[in-house]
Amino acid sequence: MKLGHTPLSFFTATILATFLLISATAQAQTESYRARLSPMPTTPQTVSTITGAGEVLLSLNGNTLSIGGNFEGMSSAATMAHVHNGPPAQPGPVVHQLEVSEATAGVVSAELELTDEQVTALRNNSLYIQIHSNDNPAGELRGWIFARN
């Protein structure tokens, strides 16, 4: 081994190791989540009137939550969509507005800044997505957000 090459090799190895560590750290900070949207009656009267399905994929990087998904087969056009805070099978208050196609099939999306408390709720499976429609203004599709393996 020549002494003239040792500092350059060491420097190159150090830079490569640093790059790999930064890349691994950046990947470890991104968390993936999923919500499966399905008809969720809000009253006994809506049991037979709600239809549809969908899937939403979410990724959390720091406190930034990126949301993108699709839905189809709703009984009437979507009017709005929200992220709600509530544990599984329990309704909760709206915490964020989402963009949604005003149709019986379309997309739902957003990029949100969550509070630290909302990040904790996300990690504890206490956030859900709900799409509201013309015929079911209280909500037609709902899906709790769970971590993806």
Protein backbone atom coordinates (compact mmCIF):
# COMPACT_ATOMS: atom_id res chain seq x y z
CA MET A 1 0.00 0.00 0.00
CA LYS A 2 1.43 3.36 -1.01
CA LEU A 3 1.33 6.15 1.57
CA GLY A 4 0.30 8.66 -1.10
CA HIS A 5 -2.98 6.80 -1.65
CA THR A 6 -3.92 6.23 2.00
CA PRO A 7 -5.28 9.73 2.78
CA LEU A 8 -7.36 9.80 -0.40
CA SER A 9 -8.71 6.29 0.20
CA PHE A 10 -9.50 7.13 3.81
CA PHE A 11 -11.14 10.40 2.74
CA THR A 12 -13.20 8.62 0.05
CA ALA A 13 -14.27 5.90 2.49
CA THR A 14 -15.24 8.51 5.10
CA ILE A 15 -17.33 10.45 2.59
CA LEU A 16 -19.03 7.26 1.37
CA ALA A 17 -19.78 6.11 4.93
CA THR A 18 -21.21 9.54 5.81
CA PHE A 19 -23.40 9.52 2.70
CA LEU A 20 -24.72 6.04 3.51
CA LEU A 21 -25.45 7.03 7.11
CA ILE A 22 -27.35 10.15 6.01
CA SER A 23 -29.32 8.13 3.44
CA ALA A 24 -30.23 5.47 6.00
CA THR A 25 -31.26 8.14 8.52
CA ALA A 26 -33.43 9.92 5.95
CA GLN A 27 -35.16 6.67 4.98
CA ALA A 28 -35.72 5.74 8.63
CA GLN A 29 -37.49 9.06 9.25
CA THR A 30 -40.20 8.38 6.65
CA GLU A 31 -43.09 6.32 7.97
CA SER A 32 -45.71 4.70 5.70
CA TYR A 33 -49.40 4.39 6.52
CA ARG A 34 -52.56 3.14 4.82
CA ALA A 35 -56.31 3.65 5.19
CA ARG A 36 -58.83 1.34 3.52
CA LEU A 37 -62.01 3.28 2.86
CA SER A 38 -65.32 1.46 3.21
CA PRO A 39 -68.97 2.40 3.75
CA MET A 40 -69.48 3.46 7.34
CA PRO A 41 -73.04 4.32 8.36
CA THR A 42 -73.31 7.33 10.63
CA THR A 43 -76.99 6.67 11.44
CA PRO A 44 -79.25 3.61 11.16
CA GLN A 45 -81.03 5.32 8.23
CA THR A 46 -77.86 5.37 6.11
CA VAL A 47 -77.01 1.65 6.41
CA SER A 48 -78.65 0.83 3.08
CA THR A 49 -77.74 4.03 1.22
CA ILE A 50 -73.95 4.19 1.47
CA THR A 51 -71.68 2.45 -1.02
CA GLY A 52 -68.13 2.57 -2.30
CA ALA A 53 -64.57 1.72 -1.45
CA GLY A 54 -61.11 3.19 -1.66
CA GLU A 55 -57.55 3.20 -0.46
CA VAL A 56 -55.37 6.02 0.79
CA LEU A 57 -51.59 5.82 1.18
CA LEU A 58 -49.87 8.22 3.53
CA SER A 59 -46.26 9.00 4.36
CA LEU A 60 -44.99 10.91 7.36
CA ASN A 61 -41.65 12.71 7.22
CA GLY A 62 -41.05 14.70 10.39
CA ASN A 63 -44.45 16.34 10.96
CA THR A 64 -45.35 16.52 7.24
CA LEU A 65 -48.04 14.03 6.22
CA SER A 66 -48.47 13.40 2.49
CA ILE A 67 -51.80 11.85 1.50
CA GLY A 68 -52.89 10.36 -1.81
CA GLY A 69 -55.58 7.88 -2.68
CA ASN A 70 -58.58 6.85 -4.73
CA PHE A 71 -62.22 6.02 -4.12
CA GLU A 72 -65.03 4.65 -6.30
CA GLY A 73 -68.64 3.50 -6.27
CA MET A 74 -70.09 6.11 -3.92
CA SER A 75 -73.88 6.53 -3.92
CA SER A 76 -73.52 10.22 -4.83
CA ALA A 77 -70.79 12.74 -5.52
CA ALA A 78 -68.20 13.44 -2.84
CA THR A 79 -68.54 16.89 -1.34
CA MET A 80 -65.61 17.02 1.09
CA ALA A 81 -63.06 14.90 2.90
CA HIS A 82 -61.34 15.25 6.25
CA VAL A 83 -58.86 13.72 8.64
CA HIS A 84 -60.60 13.12 11.97
CA ASN A 85 -59.12 12.35 15.38
CA GLY A 86 -60.78 9.35 17.00
CA PRO A 87 -59.78 5.83 17.97
CA PRO A 88 -60.93 2.89 15.82
CA ALA A 89 -64.74 2.55 15.62
CA GLN A 90 -65.30 5.87 17.43
CA PRO A 91 -66.10 9.14 15.67
CA GLY A 92 -63.99 12.18 16.43
CA PRO A 93 -63.56 15.83 15.46
CA VAL A 94 -62.17 17.10 12.16
CA VAL A 95 -58.48 18.03 12.38
CA HIS A 96 -57.64 18.67 8.70
CA GLN A 97 -59.42 19.31 5.40
CA LEU A 98 -58.44 17.21 2.36
CA GLU A 99 -58.83 17.82 -1.36
CA VAL A 100 -61.35 15.46 -2.97
CA SER A 101 -62.84 14.94 -6.43
CA GLU A 102 -66.48 16.01 -6.47
CA ALA A 103 -67.66 12.81 -8.14
CA THR A 104 -68.70 9.26 -7.23
CA ALA A 105 -65.14 8.14 -8.04
CA GLY A 106 -61.93 10.11 -7.85
CA VAL A 107 -58.95 11.08 -5.75
CA VAL A 108 -58.32 12.39 -2.28
CA SER A 109 -55.07 14.19 -1.49
CA ALA A 110 -53.27 16.66 0.76
CA GLU A 111 -49.98 17.62 2.27
CA LEU A 112 -50.46 18.53 5.92
CA GLU A 113 -48.35 19.77 8.80
CA LEU A 114 -49.35 17.80 11.86
CA THR A 115 -48.91 18.97 15.43
CA ASP A 116 -46.83 16.75 17.72
CA GLU A 117 -50.10 15.60 19.32
CA GLN A 118 -51.50 14.64 15.90
CA VAL A 119 -48.33 12.67 15.08
CA THR A 120 -48.82 10.78 18.34
CA ALA A 121 -52.49 10.15 17.43
CA LEU A 122 -51.39 8.88 14.00
CA ARG A 123 -48.89 6.47 15.54
CA ASN A 124 -51.58 5.31 18.01
CA ASN A 125 -54.09 4.54 15.20
CA SER A 126 -56.35 7.38 16.33
CA LEU A 127 -56.73 9.23 13.03
CA TYR A 128 -59.11 8.36 10.21
CA ILE A 129 -60.13 9.65 6.81
CA GLN A 130 -63.76 10.31 5.99
CA ILE A 131 -65.34 11.26 2.66
CA HIS A 132 -68.73 12.98 2.75
CA SER A 133 -71.24 12.93 -0.13
CA ASN A 134 -74.33 14.75 -1.36
CA ASP A 135 -76.69 11.99 -0.21
CA ASN A 136 -74.75 11.28 3.00
CA PRO A 137 -73.42 14.62 4.26
CA ALA A 138 -72.49 13.11 7.65
CA GLY A 139 -70.07 10.74 5.85
CA GLU A 140 -70.11 7.86 3.38
CA LEU A 141 -66.63 6.32 3.34
CA ARG A 142 -64.33 6.03 6.33
CA GLY A 143 -60.99 4.37 7.00
CA TRP A 144 -58.70 4.36 10.00
CA ILE A 145 -55.05 5.03 9.33
CA PHE A 146 -52.65 2.22 10.28
CA ALA A 147 -48.90 1.80 9.82
CA ARG A 148 -47.84 -0.24 6.78
CA ASN A 149 -45.38 -3.08 7.33
